[in-house]
Amino acid sequence: MKAGEIMLPFKRADRVGELILEEISAMLIREIKDPRIGFVTLTRVEVSDDLRYAKVYASIMGDEHTEQQTLQGLQSATRFIQRELGKRLRLRRIPKLTFQRDKSLEYGAYINQMLNTLSRETLDEEEA
């Protein structure tokens, strides 16, 4: 950091990730009509510091087959999405997108279930 520069609270990659998340979410609602894409929520986008690559995390509702179909639909729409991002965002280079399933919501539900089970067992032991 040079003298007199102010440290910004967010990296540029984080801001670009937020913009990409908003734009792709809007595209999924209004423009992308692939029947393979089921109920999906984009949870976050991680953009590399050099802005060349972006991982788009998607939470997908449904069974394993539905999840696979949705990921395939998203991956097949990648070129369209990147082209549209190029039109909508003022960036020199649009990051190469990859879609990945976000398992954090499922993991959170699993942890919550385990804590509830543990709490019930503790209460049962105290009552006995």
Foldseek 3Di string as FASTA:
>chain_A
DDPPDDDDPDQPQQVVFVVLQVQVVVCVVPPQDPPLADDKHWDTWGADNVQAAIEIEIAHDDDPSSVVSNQVSCVVCQVVSQVVCPVVDPDPHHHRYHYDYDCVVVVVVVVVVVVVVVVVVVVVVVVD
